[in-house]
PDBML (XML) file of the C-alpha atoms, coordinates in Angstrom:
<?xml version="1.0" encoding="UTF-8" ?>
<PDBx:datablock datablockName="MODEL"
   xmlns:PDBx="http://pdbml.pdb.org/schema/pdbx-v50.xsd"
   xmlns:xsi="http://www.w3.org/2001/XMLSchema-instance"
   xsi:schemaLocation="http://pdbml.pdb.org/schema/pdbx-v50.xsd pdbx-v50.xsd">
   <PDBx:atom_siteCategory>
      <PDBx:atom_site id="1">
         <PDBx:B_iso_or_equiv>0.00</PDBx:B_iso_or_equiv>
         <PDBx:Cartn_x>6.419</PDBx:Cartn_x>
         <PDBx:Cartn_y>13.551</PDBx:Cartn_y>
         <PDBx:Cartn_z>37.587</PDBx:Cartn_z>
         <PDBx:auth_asym_id>A</PDBx:auth_asym_id>
         <PDBx:auth_atom_id>CA</PDBx:auth_atom_id>
         <PDBx:auth_comp_id>UNK</PDBx:auth_comp_id>
         <PDBx:auth_seq_id>1</PDBx:auth_seq_id>
         <PDBx:group_PDB>ATOM</PDBx:group_PDB>
         <PDBx:label_alt_id xsi:nil="true" />
         <PDBx:label_asym_id>A</PDBx:label_asym_id>
         <PDBx:label_atom_id>CA</PDBx:label_atom_id>
         <PDBx:label_comp_id>UNK</PDBx:label_comp_id>
         <PDBx:label_entity_id>1</PDBx:label_entity_id>
         <PDBx:label_seq_id>1</PDBx:label_seq_id>
         <PDBx:occupancy>1.00</PDBx:occupancy>
         <PDBx:pdbx_PDB_model_num>1</PDBx:pdbx_PDB_model_num>
         <PDBx:type_symbol>C</PDBx:type_symbol>
      </PDBx:atom_site>
      <PDBx:atom_site id="2">
         <PDBx:B_iso_or_equiv>0.00</PDBx:B_iso_or_equiv>
         <PDBx:Cartn_x>5.678</PDBx:Cartn_x>
         <PDBx:Cartn_y>15.388</PDBx:Cartn_y>
         <PDBx:Cartn_z>40.484</PDBx:Cartn_z>
         <PDBx:auth_asym_id>A</PDBx:auth_asym_id>
         <PDBx:auth_atom_id>CA</PDBx:auth_atom_id>
         <PDBx:auth_comp_id>UNK</PDBx:auth_comp_id>
         <PDBx:auth_seq_id>2</PDBx:auth_seq_id>
         <PDBx:group_PDB>ATOM</PDBx:group_PDB>
         <PDBx:label_alt_id xsi:nil="true" />
         <PDBx:label_asym_id>A</PDBx:label_asym_id>
         <PDBx:label_atom_id>CA</PDBx:label_atom_id>
         <PDBx:label_comp_id>UNK</PDBx:label_comp_id>
         <PDBx:label_entity_id>1</PDBx:label_entity_id>
         <PDBx:label_seq_id>2</PDBx:label_seq_id>
         <PDBx:occupancy>1.00</PDBx:occupancy>
         <PDBx:pdbx_PDB_model_num>1</PDBx:pdbx_PDB_model_num>
         <PDBx:type_symbol>C</PDBx:type_symbol>
      </PDBx:atom_site>
      <PDBx:atom_site id="3">
         <PDBx:B_iso_or_equiv>0.00</PDBx:B_iso_or_equiv>
         <PDBx:Cartn_x>4.405</PDBx:Cartn_x>
         <PDBx:Cartn_y>18.871</PDBx:Cartn_y>
         <PDBx:Cartn_z>40.765</PDBx:Cartn_z>
         <PDBx:auth_asym_id>A</PDBx:auth_asym_id>
         <PDBx:auth_atom_id>CA</PDBx:auth_atom_id>
         <PDBx:auth_comp_id>UNK</PDBx:auth_comp_id>
         <PDBx:auth_seq_id>3</PDBx:auth_seq_id>
         <PDBx:group_PDB>ATOM</PDBx:group_PDB>
         <PDBx:label_alt_id xsi:nil="true" />
         <PDBx:label_asym_id>A</PDBx:label_asym_id>
         <PDBx:label_atom_id>CA</PDBx:label_atom_id>
         <PDBx:label_comp_id>UNK</PDBx:label_comp_id>
         <PDBx:label_entity_id>1</PDBx:label_entity_id>
         <PDBx:label_seq_id>3</PDBx:label_seq_id>
         <PDBx:occupancy>1.00</PDBx:occupancy>
         <PDBx:pdbx_PDB_model_num>1</PDBx:pdbx_PDB_model_num>
         <PDBx:type_symbol>C</PDBx:type_symbol>
      </PDBx:atom_site>
      <PDBx:atom_site id="4">
         <PDBx:B_iso_or_equiv>0.00</PDBx:B_iso_or_equiv>
         <PDBx:Cartn_x>3.861</PDBx:Cartn_x>
         <PDBx:Cartn_y>20.765</PDBx:Cartn_y>
         <PDBx:Cartn_z>43.255</PDBx:Cartn_z>
         <PDBx:auth_asym_id>A</PDBx:auth_asym_id>
         <PDBx:auth_atom_id>CA</PDBx:auth_atom_id>
         <PDBx:auth_comp_id>UNK</PDBx:auth_comp_id>
         <PDBx:auth_seq_id>4</PDBx:auth_seq_id>
         <PDBx:group_PDB>ATOM</PDBx:group_PDB>
         <PDBx:label_alt_id xsi:nil="true" />
         <PDBx:label_asym_id>A</PDBx:label_asym_id>
         <PDBx:label_atom_id>CA</PDBx:label_atom_id>
         <PDBx:label_comp_id>UNK</PDBx:label_comp_id>
         <PDBx:label_entity_id>1</PDBx:label_entity_id>
         <PDBx:label_seq_id>4</PDBx:label_seq_id>
         <PDBx:occupancy>1.00</PDBx:occupancy>
         <PDBx:pdbx_PDB_model_num>1</PDBx:pdbx_PDB_model_num>
         <PDBx:type_symbol>C</PDBx:type_symbol>
      </PDBx:atom_site>
      <PDBx:atom_site id="5">
         <PDBx:B_iso_or_equiv>0.00</PDBx:B_iso_or_equiv>
         <PDBx:Cartn_x>2.725</PDBx:Cartn_x>
         <PDBx:Cartn_y>24.540</PDBx:Cartn_y>
         <PDBx:Cartn_z>44.229</PDBx:Cartn_z>
         <PDBx:auth_asym_id>A</PDBx:auth_asym_id>
         <PDBx:auth_atom_id>CA</PDBx:auth_atom_id>
         <PDBx:auth_comp_id>UNK</PDBx:auth_comp_id>
         <PDBx:auth_seq_id>5</PDBx:auth_seq_id>
         <PDBx:group_PDB>ATOM</PDBx:group_PDB>
         <PDBx:label_alt_id xsi:nil="true" />
         <PDBx:label_asym_id>A</PDBx:label_asym_id>
         <PDBx:label_atom_id>CA</PDBx:label_atom_id>
         <PDBx:label_comp_id>UNK</PDBx:label_comp_id>
         <PDBx:label_entity_id>1</PDBx:label_entity_id>
         <PDBx:label_seq_id>5</PDBx:label_seq_id>
         <PDBx:occupancy>1.00</PDBx:occupancy>
         <PDBx:pdbx_PDB_model_num>1</PDBx:pdbx_PDB_model_num>
         <PDBx:type_symbol>C</PDBx:type_symbol>
      </PDBx:atom_site>
      <PDBx:atom_site id="6">
         <PDBx:B_iso_or_equiv>0.00</PDBx:B_iso_or_equiv>
         <PDBx:Cartn_x>5.597</PDBx:Cartn_x>
         <PDBx:Cartn_y>27.125</PDBx:Cartn_y>
         <PDBx:Cartn_z>46.946</PDBx:Cartn_z>
         <PDBx:auth_asym_id>A</PDBx:auth_asym_id>
         <PDBx:auth_atom_id>CA</PDBx:auth_atom_id>
         <PDBx:auth_comp_id>UNK</PDBx:auth_comp_id>
         <PDBx:auth_seq_id>6</PDBx:auth_seq_id>
         <PDBx:group_PDB>ATOM</PDBx:group_PDB>
         <PDBx:label_alt_id xsi:nil="true" />
         <PDBx:label_asym_id>A</PDBx:label_asym_id>
         <PDBx:label_atom_id>CA</PDBx:label_atom_id>
         <PDBx:label_comp_id>UNK</PDBx:label_comp_id>
         <PDBx:label_entity_id>1</PDBx:label_entity_id>
         <PDBx:label_seq_id>6</PDBx:label_seq_id>
         <PDBx:occupancy>1.00</PDBx:occupancy>
         <PDBx:pdbx_PDB_model_num>1</PDBx:pdbx_PDB_model_num>
         <PDBx:type_symbol>C</PDBx:type_symbol>
      </PDBx:atom_site>
      <PDBx:atom_site id="7">
         <PDBx:B_iso_or_equiv>0.00</PDBx:B_iso_or_equiv>
         <PDBx:Cartn_x>4.521</PDBx:Cartn_x>
         <PDBx:Cartn_y>30.144</PDBx:Cartn_y>
         <PDBx:Cartn_z>47.868</PDBx:Cartn_z>
         <PDBx:auth_asym_id>A</PDBx:auth_asym_id>
         <PDBx:auth_atom_id>CA</PDBx:auth_atom_id>
         <PDBx:auth_comp_id>UNK</PDBx:auth_comp_id>
         <PDBx:auth_seq_id>7</PDBx:auth_seq_id>
         <PDBx:group_PDB>ATOM</PDBx:group_PDB>
         <PDBx:label_alt_id xsi:nil="true" />
         <PDBx:label_asym_id>A</PDBx:label_asym_id>
         <PDBx:label_atom_id>CA</PDBx:label_atom_id>
         <PDBx:label_comp_id>UNK</PDBx:label_comp_id>
         <PDBx:label_entity_id>1</PDBx:label_entity_id>
         <PDBx:label_seq_id>7</PDBx:label_seq_id>
         <PDBx:occupancy>1.00</PDBx:occupancy>
         <PDBx:pdbx_PDB_model_num>1</PDBx:pdbx_PDB_model_num>
         <PDBx:type_symbol>C</PDBx:type_symbol>
      </PDBx:atom_site>
      <PDBx:atom_site id="8">
         <PDBx:B_iso_or_equiv>0.00</PDBx:B_iso_or_equiv>
         <PDBx:Cartn_x>2.234</PDBx:Cartn_x>
         <PDBx:Cartn_y>30.657</PDBx:Cartn_y>
         <PDBx:Cartn_z>44.627</PDBx:Cartn_z>
         <PDBx:auth_asym_id>A</PDBx:auth_asym_id>
         <PDBx:auth_atom_id>CA</PDBx:auth_atom_id>
         <PDBx:auth_comp_id>UNK</PDBx:auth_comp_id>
         <PDBx:auth_seq_id>8</PDBx:auth_seq_id>
         <PDBx:group_PDB>ATOM</PDBx:group_PDB>
         <PDBx:label_alt_id xsi:nil="true" />
         <PDBx:label_asym_id>A</PDBx:label_asym_id>
         <PDBx:label_atom_id>CA</PDBx:label_atom_id>
         <PDBx:label_comp_id>UNK</PDBx:label_comp_id>
         <PDBx:label_entity_id>1</PDBx:label_entity_id>
         <PDBx:label_seq_id>8</PDBx:label_seq_id>
         <PDBx:occupancy>1.00</PDBx:occupancy>
         <PDBx:pdbx_PDB_model_num>1</PDBx:pdbx_PDB_model_num>
         <PDBx:type_symbol>C</PDBx:type_symbol>
      </PDBx:atom_site>
      <PDBx:atom_site id="9">
         <PDBx:B_iso_or_equiv>0.00</PDBx:B_iso_or_equiv>
         <PDBx:Cartn_x>4.881</PDBx:Cartn_x>
         <PDBx:Cartn_y>29.242</PDBx:Cartn_y>
         <PDBx:Cartn_z>42.359</PDBx:Cartn_z>
         <PDBx:auth_asym_id>A</PDBx:auth_asym_id>
         <PDBx:auth_atom_id>CA</PDBx:auth_atom_id>
         <PDBx:auth_comp_id>UNK</PDBx:auth_comp_id>
         <PDBx:auth_seq_id>9</PDBx:auth_seq_id>
         <PDBx:group_PDB>ATOM</PDBx:group_PDB>
         <PDBx:label_alt_id xsi:nil="true" />
         <PDBx:label_asym_id>A</PDBx:label_asym_id>
         <PDBx:label_atom_id>CA</PDBx:label_atom_id>
         <PDBx:label_comp_id>UNK</PDBx:label_comp_id>
         <PDBx:label_entity_id>1</PDBx:label_entity_id>
         <PDBx:label_seq_id>9</PDBx:label_seq_id>
         <PDBx:occupancy>1.00</PDBx:occupancy>
         <PDBx:pdbx_PDB_model_num>1</PDBx:pdbx_PDB_model_num>
         <PDBx:type_symbol>C</PDBx:type_symbol>
      </PDBx:atom_site>
      <PDBx:atom_site id="10">
         <PDBx:B_iso_or_equiv>0.00</PDBx:B_iso_or_equiv>
         <PDBx:Cartn_x>3.457</PDBx:Cartn_x>
         <PDBx:Cartn_y>25.804</PDBx:Cartn_y>
         <PDBx:Cartn_z>40.420</PDBx:Cartn_z>
         <PDBx:auth_asym_id>A</PDBx:auth_asym_id>
         <PDBx:auth_atom_id>CA</PDBx:auth_atom_id>
         <PDBx:auth_comp_id>UNK</PDBx:auth_comp_id>
         <PDBx:auth_seq_id>10</PDBx:auth_seq_id>
         <PDBx:group_PDB>ATOM</PDBx:group_PDB>
         <PDBx:label_alt_id xsi:nil="true" />
         <PDBx:label_asym_id>A</PDBx:label_asym_id>
         <PDBx:label_atom_id>CA</PDBx:label_atom_id>
         <PDBx:label_comp_id>UNK</PDBx:label_comp_id>
         <PDBx:label_entity_id>1</PDBx:label_entity_id>
         <PDBx:label_seq_id>10</PDBx:label_seq_id>
         <PDBx:occupancy>1.00</PDBx:occupancy>
         <PDBx:pdbx_PDB_model_num>1</PDBx:pdbx_PDB_model_num>
         <PDBx:type_symbol>C</PDBx:type_symbol>
      </PDBx:atom_site>
      <PDBx:atom_site id="11">
         <PDBx:B_iso_or_equiv>0.00</PDBx:B_iso_or_equiv>
         <PDBx:Cartn_x>7.132</PDBx:Cartn_x>
         <PDBx:Cartn_y>23.903</PDBx:Cartn_y>
         <PDBx:Cartn_z>40.048</PDBx:Cartn_z>
         <PDBx:auth_asym_id>A</PDBx:auth_asym_id>
         <PDBx:auth_atom_id>CA</PDBx:auth_atom_id>
         <PDBx:auth_comp_id>UNK</PDBx:auth_comp_id>
         <PDBx:auth_seq_id>11</PDBx:auth_seq_id>
         <PDBx:group_PDB>ATOM</PDBx:group_PDB>
         <PDBx:label_alt_id xsi:nil="true" />
         <PDBx:label_asym_id>A</PDBx:label_asym_id>
         <PDBx:label_atom_id>CA</PDBx:label_atom_id>
         <PDBx:label_comp_id>UNK</PDBx:label_comp_id>
         <PDBx:label_entity_id>1</PDBx:label_entity_id>
         <PDBx:label_seq_id>11</PDBx:label_seq_id>
         <PDBx:occupancy>1.00</PDBx:occupancy>
         <PDBx:pdbx_PDB_model_num>1</PDBx:pdbx_PDB_model_num>
         <PDBx:type_symbol>C</PDBx:type_symbol>
      </PDBx:atom_site>
      <PDBx:atom_site id="12">
         <PDBx:B_iso_or_equiv>0.00</PDBx:B_iso_or_equiv>
         <PDBx:Cartn_x>7.947</PDBx:Cartn_x>
         <PDBx:Cartn_y>20.036</PDBx:Cartn_y>
         <PDBx:Cartn_z>37.575</PDBx:Cartn_z>
         <PDBx:auth_asym_id>A</PDBx:auth_asym_id>
         <PDBx:auth_atom_id>CA</PDBx:auth_atom_id>
         <PDBx:auth_comp_id>UNK</PDBx:auth_comp_id>
         <PDBx:auth_seq_id>12</PDBx:auth_seq_id>
         <PDBx:group_PDB>ATOM</PDBx:group_PDB>
         <PDBx:label_alt_id xsi:nil="true" />
         <PDBx:label_asym_id>A</PDBx:label_asym_id>
         <PDBx:label_atom_id>CA</PDBx:label_atom_id>
         <PDBx:label_comp_id>UNK</PDBx:label_comp_id>
         <PDBx:label_entity_id>1</PDBx:label_entity_id>
         <PDBx:label_seq_id>12</PDBx:label_seq_id>
         <PDBx:occupancy>1.00</PDBx:occupancy>
         <PDBx:pdbx_PDB_model_num>1</PDBx:pdbx_PDB_model_num>
         <PDBx:type_symbol>C</PDBx:type_symbol>
      </PDBx:atom_site>
      <PDBx:atom_site id="13">
         <PDBx:B_iso_or_equiv>0.00</PDBx:B_iso_or_equiv>
         <PDBx:Cartn_x>10.192</PDBx:Cartn_x>
         <PDBx:Cartn_y>17.432</PDBx:Cartn_y>
         <PDBx:Cartn_z>39.229</PDBx:Cartn_z>
         <PDBx:auth_asym_id>A</PDBx:auth_asym_id>
         <PDBx:auth_atom_id>CA</PDBx:auth_atom_id>
         <PDBx:auth_comp_id>UNK</PDBx:auth_comp_id>
         <PDBx:auth_seq_id>13</PDBx:auth_seq_id>
         <PDBx:group_PDB>ATOM</PDBx:group_PDB>
         <PDBx:label_alt_id xsi:nil="true" />
         <PDBx:label_asym_id>A</PDBx:label_asym_id>
         <PDBx:label_atom_id>CA</PDBx:label_atom_id>
         <PDBx:label_comp_id>UNK</PDBx:label_comp_id>
         <PDBx:label_entity_id>1</PDBx:label_entity_id>
         <PDBx:label_seq_id>13</PDBx:label_seq_id>
         <PDBx:occupancy>1.00</PDBx:occupancy>
         <PDBx:pdbx_PDB_model_num>1</PDBx:pdbx_PDB_model_num>
         <PDBx:type_symbol>C</PDBx:type_symbol>
      </PDBx:atom_site>
      <PDBx:atom_site id="14">
         <PDBx:B_iso_or_equiv>0.00</PDBx:B_iso_or_equiv>
         <PDBx:Cartn_x>11.658</PDBx:Cartn_x>
         <PDBx:Cartn_y>15.547</PDBx:Cartn_y>
         <PDBx:Cartn_z>36.952</PDBx:Cartn_z>
         <PDBx:auth_asym_id>A</PDBx:auth_asym_id>
         <PDBx:auth_atom_id>CA</PDBx:auth_atom_id>
         <PDBx:auth_comp_id>UNK</PDBx:auth_comp_id>
         <PDBx:auth_seq_id>14</PDBx:auth_seq_id>
         <PDBx:group_PDB>ATOM</PDBx:group_PDB>
         <PDBx:label_alt_id xsi:nil="true" />
         <PDBx:label_asym_id>A</PDBx:label_asym_id>
         <PDBx:label_atom_id>CA</PDBx:label_atom_id>
         <PDBx:label_comp_id>UNK</PDBx:label_comp_id>
         <PDBx:label_entity_id>1</PDBx:label_entity_id>
         <PDBx:label_seq_id>14</PDBx:label_seq_id>
         <PDBx:occupancy>1.00</PDBx:occupancy>
         <PDBx:pdbx_PDB_model_num>1</PDBx:pdbx_PDB_model_num>
         <PDBx:type_symbol>C</PDBx:type_symbol>
      </PDBx:atom_site>
      <PDBx:atom_site id="15">
         <PDBx:B_iso_or_equiv>0.00</PDBx:B_iso_or_equiv>
         <PDBx:Cartn_x>13.737</PDBx:Cartn_x>
         <PDBx:Cartn_y>11.902</PDBx:Cartn_y>
         <PDBx:Cartn_z>38.729</PDBx:Cartn_z>
         <PDBx:auth_asym_id>A</PDBx:auth_asym_id>
         <PDBx:auth_atom_id>CA</PDBx:auth_atom_id>
         <PDBx:auth_comp_id>UNK</PDBx:auth_comp_id>
         <PDBx:auth_seq_id>15</PDBx:auth_seq_id>
         <PDBx:group_PDB>ATOM</PDBx:group_PDB>
         <PDBx:label_alt_id xsi:nil="true" />
         <PDBx:label_asym_id>A</PDBx:label_asym_id>
         <PDBx:label_atom_id>CA</PDBx:label_atom_id>
         <PDBx:label_comp_id>UNK</PDBx:label_comp_id>
         <PDBx:label_entity_id>1</PDBx:label_entity_id>
         <PDBx:label_seq_id>15</PDBx:label_seq_id>
         <PDBx:occupancy>1.00</PDBx:occupancy>
         <PDBx:pdbx_PDB_model_num>1</PDBx:pdbx_PDB_model_num>
         <PDBx:type_symbol>C</PDBx:type_symbol>
      </PDBx:atom_site>
      <PDBx:atom_site id="16">
         <PDBx:B_iso_or_equiv>0.00</PDBx:B_iso_or_equiv>
         <PDBx:Cartn_x>14.463</PDBx:Cartn_x>
         <PDBx:Cartn_y>8.602</PDBx:Cartn_y>
         <PDBx:Cartn_z>38.531</PDBx:Cartn_z>
         <PDBx:auth_asym_id>A</PDBx:auth_asym_id>
         <PDBx:auth_atom_id>CA</PDBx:auth_atom_id>
         <PDBx:auth_comp_id>UNK</PDBx:auth_comp_id>
         <PDBx:auth_seq_id>16</PDBx:auth_seq_id>
         <PDBx:group_PDB>ATOM</PDBx:group_PDB>
         <PDBx:label_alt_id xsi:nil="true" />
         <PDBx:label_asym_id>A</PDBx:label_asym_id>
         <PDBx:label_atom_id>CA</PDBx:label_atom_id>
         <PDBx:label_comp_id>UNK</PDBx:label_comp_id>
         <PDBx:label_entity_id>1</PDBx:label_entity_id>
         <PDBx:label_seq_id>16</PDBx:label_seq_id>
         <PDBx:occupancy>1.00</PDBx:occupancy>
         <PDBx:pdbx_PDB_model_num>1</PDBx:pdbx_PDB_model_num>
         <PDBx:type_symbol>C</PDBx:type_symbol>
      </PDBx:atom_site>
      <PDBx:atom_site id="17">
         <PDBx:B_iso_or_equiv>0.00</PDBx:B_iso_or_equiv>
         <PDBx:Cartn_x>13.081</PDBx:Cartn_x>
         <PDBx:Cartn_y>7.501</PDBx:Cartn_y>
         <PDBx:Cartn_z>41.853</PDBx:Cartn_z>
         <PDBx:auth_asym_id>A</PDBx:auth_asym_id>
         <PDBx:auth_atom_id>CA</PDBx:auth_atom_id>
         <PDBx:auth_comp_id>UNK</PDBx:auth_comp_id>
         <PDBx:auth_seq_id>17</PDBx:auth_seq_id>
         <PDBx:group_PDB>ATOM</PDBx:group_PDB>
         <PDBx:label_alt_id xsi:nil="true" />
         <PDBx:label_asym_id>A</PDBx:label_asym_id>
         <PDBx:label_atom_id>CA</PDBx:label_atom_id>
         <PDBx:label_comp_id>UNK</PDBx:label_comp_id>
         <PDBx:label_entity_id>1</PDBx:label_entity_id>
         <PDBx:label_seq_id>17</PDBx:label_seq_id>
         <PDBx:occupancy>1.00</PDBx:occupancy>
         <PDBx:pdbx_PDB_model_num>1</PDBx:pdbx_PDB_model_num>
         <PDBx:type_symbol>C</PDBx:type_symbol>
      </PDBx:atom_site>
      <PDBx:atom_site id="18">
         <PDBx:B_iso_or_equiv>0.00</PDBx:B_iso_or_equiv>
         <PDBx:Cartn_x>10.568</PDBx:Cartn_x>
         <PDBx:Cartn_y>9.105</PDBx:Cartn_y>
         <PDBx:Cartn_z>44.382</PDBx:Cartn_z>
         <PDBx:auth_asym_id>A</PDBx:auth_asym_id>
         <PDBx:auth_atom_id>CA</PDBx:auth_atom_id>
         <PDBx:auth_comp_id>UNK</PDBx:auth_comp_id>
         <PDBx:auth_seq_id>18</PDBx:auth_seq_id>
         <PDBx:group_PDB>ATOM</PDBx:group_PDB>
         <PDBx:label_alt_id xsi:nil="true" />
         <PDBx:label_asym_id>A</PDBx:label_asym_id>
         <PDBx:label_atom_id>CA</PDBx:label_atom_id>
         <PDBx:label_comp_id>UNK</PDBx:label_comp_id>
         <PDBx:label_entity_id>1</PDBx:label_entity_id>
         <PDBx:label_seq_id>18</PDBx:label_seq_id>
         <PDBx:occupancy>1.00</PDBx:occupancy>
         <PDBx:pdbx_PDB_model_num>1</PDBx:pdbx_PDB_model_num>
         <PDBx:type_symbol>C</PDBx:type_symbol>
      </PDBx:atom_site>
      <PDBx:atom_site id="19">
         <PDBx:B_iso_or_equiv>0.00</PDBx:B_iso_or_equiv>
         <PDBx:Cartn_x>10.734</PDBx:Cartn_x>
         <PDBx:Cartn_y>8.197</PDBx:Cartn_y>
         <PDBx:Cartn_z>48.103</PDBx:Cartn_z>
         <PDBx:auth_asym_id>A</PDBx:auth_asym_id>
         <PDBx:auth_atom_id>CA</PDBx:auth_atom_id>
         <PDBx:auth_comp_id>UNK</PDBx:auth_comp_id>
         <PDBx:auth_seq_id>19</PDBx:auth_seq_id>
         <PDBx:group_PDB>ATOM</PDBx:group_PDB>
         <PDBx:label_alt_id xsi:nil="true" />
         <PDBx:label_asym_id>A</PDBx:label_asym_id>
         <PDBx:label_atom_id>CA</PDBx:label_atom_id>
         <PDBx:label_comp_id>UNK</PDBx:label_comp_id>
         <PDBx:label_entity_id>1</PDBx:label_entity_id>
         <PDBx:label_seq_id>19</PDBx:label_seq_id>
         <PDBx:occupancy>1.00</PDBx:occupancy>
         <PDBx:pdbx_PDB_model_num>1</PDBx:pdbx_PDB_model_num>
         <PDBx:type_symbol>C</PDBx:type_symbol>
      </PDBx:atom_site>
      <PDBx:atom_site id="20">
         <PDBx:B_iso_or_equiv>0.00</PDBx:B_iso_or_equiv>
         <PDBx:Cartn_x>7.800</PDBx:Cartn_x>
         <PDBx:Cartn_y>8.319</PDBx:Cartn_y>
         <PDBx:Cartn_z>49.488</PDBx:Cartn_z>
         <PDBx:auth_asym_id>A</PDBx:auth_asym_id>
         <PDBx:auth_atom_id>CA</PDBx:auth_atom_id>
         <PDBx:auth_comp_id>UNK</PDBx:auth_comp_id>
         <PDBx:auth_seq_id>20</PDBx:auth_seq_id>
         <PDBx:group_PDB>ATOM</PDBx:group_PDB>
         <PDBx:label_alt_id xsi:nil="true" />
         <PDBx:label_asym_id>A</PDBx:label_asym_id>
         <PDBx:label_atom_id>CA</PDBx:label_atom_id>
         <PDBx:label_comp_id>UNK</PDBx:label_comp_id>
         <PDBx:label_entity_id>1</PDBx:label_entity_id>
         <PDBx:label_seq_id>20</PDBx:label_seq_id>
         <PDBx:occupancy>1.00</PDBx:occupancy>
         <PDBx:pdbx_PDB_model_num>1</PDBx:pdbx_PDB_model_num>
         <PDBx:type_symbol>C</PDBx:type_symbol>
      </PDBx:atom_site>
      <PDBx:atom_site id="21">
         <PDBx:B_iso_or_equiv>0.00</PDBx:B_iso_or_equiv>
         <PDBx:Cartn_x>7.989</PDBx:Cartn_x>
         <PDBx:Cartn_y>9.964</PDBx:Cartn_y>
         <PDBx:Cartn_z>53.743</PDBx:Cartn_z>
         <PDBx:auth_asym_id>A</PDBx:auth_asym_id>
         <PDBx:auth_atom_id>CA</PDBx:auth_atom_id>
         <PDBx:auth_comp_id>UNK</PDBx:auth_comp_id>
         <PDBx:auth_seq_id>21</PDBx:auth_seq_id>
         <PDBx:group_PDB>ATOM</PDBx:group_PDB>
         <PDBx:label_alt_id xsi:nil="true" />
         <PDBx:label_asym_id>A</PDBx:label_asym_id>
         <PDBx:label_atom_id>CA</PDBx:label_atom_id>
         <PDBx:label_comp_id>UNK</PDBx:label_comp_id>
         <PDBx:label_entity_id>1</PDBx:label_entity_id>
         <PDBx:label_seq_id>21</PDBx:label_seq_id>
         <PDBx:occupancy>1.00</PDBx:occupancy>
         <PDBx:pdbx_PDB_model_num>1</PDBx:pdbx_PDB_model_num>
         <PDBx:type_symbol>C</PDBx:type_symbol>
      </PDBx:atom_site>
      <PDBx:atom_site id="22">
         <PDBx:B_iso_or_equiv>0.00</PDBx:B_iso_or_equiv>
         <PDBx:Cartn_x>5.039</PDBx:Cartn_x>
         <PDBx:Cartn_y>11.379</PDBx:Cartn_y>
         <PDBx:Cartn_z>53.533</PDBx:Cartn_z>
         <PDBx:auth_asym_id>A</PDBx:auth_asym_id>
         <PDBx:auth_atom_id>CA</PDBx:auth_atom_id>
         <PDBx:auth_comp_id>UNK</PDBx:auth_comp_id>
         <PDBx:auth_seq_id>22</PDBx:auth_seq_id>
         <PDBx:group_PDB>ATOM</PDBx:group_PDB>
         <PDBx:label_alt_id xsi:nil="true" />
         <PDBx:label_asym_id>A</PDBx:label_asym_id>
         <PDBx:label_atom_id>CA</PDBx:label_atom_id>
         <PDBx:label_comp_id>UNK</PDBx:label_comp_id>
         <PDBx:label_entity_id>1</PDBx:label_entity_id>
         <PDBx:label_seq_id>22</PDBx:label_seq_id>
         <PDBx:occupancy>1.00</PDBx:occupancy>
         <PDBx:pdbx_PDB_model_num>1</PDBx:pdbx_PDB_model_num>
         <PDBx:type_symbol>C</PDBx:type_symbol>
      </PDBx:atom_site>
      <PDBx:atom_site id="23">
         <PDBx:B_iso_or_equiv>0.00</PDBx:B_iso_or_equiv>
         <PDBx:Cartn_x>3.680</PDBx:Cartn_x>
         <PDBx:Cartn_y>9.660</PDBx:Cartn_y>
         <PDBx:Cartn_z>56.501</PDBx:Cartn_z>
         <PDBx:auth_asym_id>A</PDBx:auth_asym_id>
         <PDBx:auth_atom_id>CA</PDBx:auth_atom_id>
         <PDBx:auth_comp_id>UNK</PDBx:auth_comp_id>
         <PDBx:auth_seq_id>23</PDBx:auth_seq_id>
         <PDBx:group_PDB>ATOM</PDBx:group_PDB>
         <PDBx:label_alt_id xsi:nil="true" />
         <PDBx:label_asym_id>A</PDBx:label_asym_id>
         <PDBx:label_atom_id>CA</PDBx:label_atom_id>
         <PDBx:label_comp_id>UNK</PDBx:label_comp_id>
         <PDBx:label_entity_id>1</PDBx:label_entity_id>
         <PDBx:label_seq_id>23</PDBx:label_seq_id>
         <PDBx:occupancy>1.00</PDBx:occupancy>
         <PDBx:pdbx_PDB_model_num>1</PDBx:pdbx_PDB_model_num>
         <PDBx:type_symbol>C</PDBx:type_symbol>
      </PDBx:atom_site>
      <PDBx:atom_site id="24">
         <PDBx:B_iso_or_equiv>0.00</PDBx:B_iso_or_equiv>
         <PDBx:Cartn_x>-0.043</PDBx:Cartn_x>
         <PDBx:Cartn_y>7.017</PDBx:Cartn_y>
         <PDBx:Cartn_z>57.098</PDBx:Cartn_z>
         <PDBx:auth_asym_id>A</PDBx:auth_asym_id>
         <PDBx:auth_atom_id>CA</PDBx:auth_atom_id>
         <PDBx:auth_comp_id>UNK</PDBx:auth_comp_id>
         <PDBx:auth_seq_id>24</PDBx:auth_seq_id>
         <PDBx:group_PDB>ATOM</PDBx:group_PDB>
         <PDBx:label_alt_id xsi:nil="true" />
         <PDBx:label_asym_id>A</PDBx:label_asym_id>
         <PDBx:label_atom_id>CA</PDBx:label_atom_id>
         <PDBx:label_comp_id>UNK</PDBx:label_comp_id>
         <PDBx:label_entity_id>1</PDBx:label_entity_id>
         <PDBx:label_seq_id>24</PDBx:label_seq_id>
         <PDBx:occupancy>1.00</PDBx:occupancy>
         <PDBx:pdbx_PDB_model_num>1</PDBx:pdbx_PDB_model_num>
         <PDBx:type_symbol>C</PDBx:type_symbol>
      </PDBx:atom_site>
   </PDBx:atom_siteCategory>
</PDBx:datablock>
């Protein structure tokens, strides 16, 4: 589960797999 915010809106993503490509 990933909780994130964009333009003041809160989102909840549910997924089987997460790929971490977010740097060091």
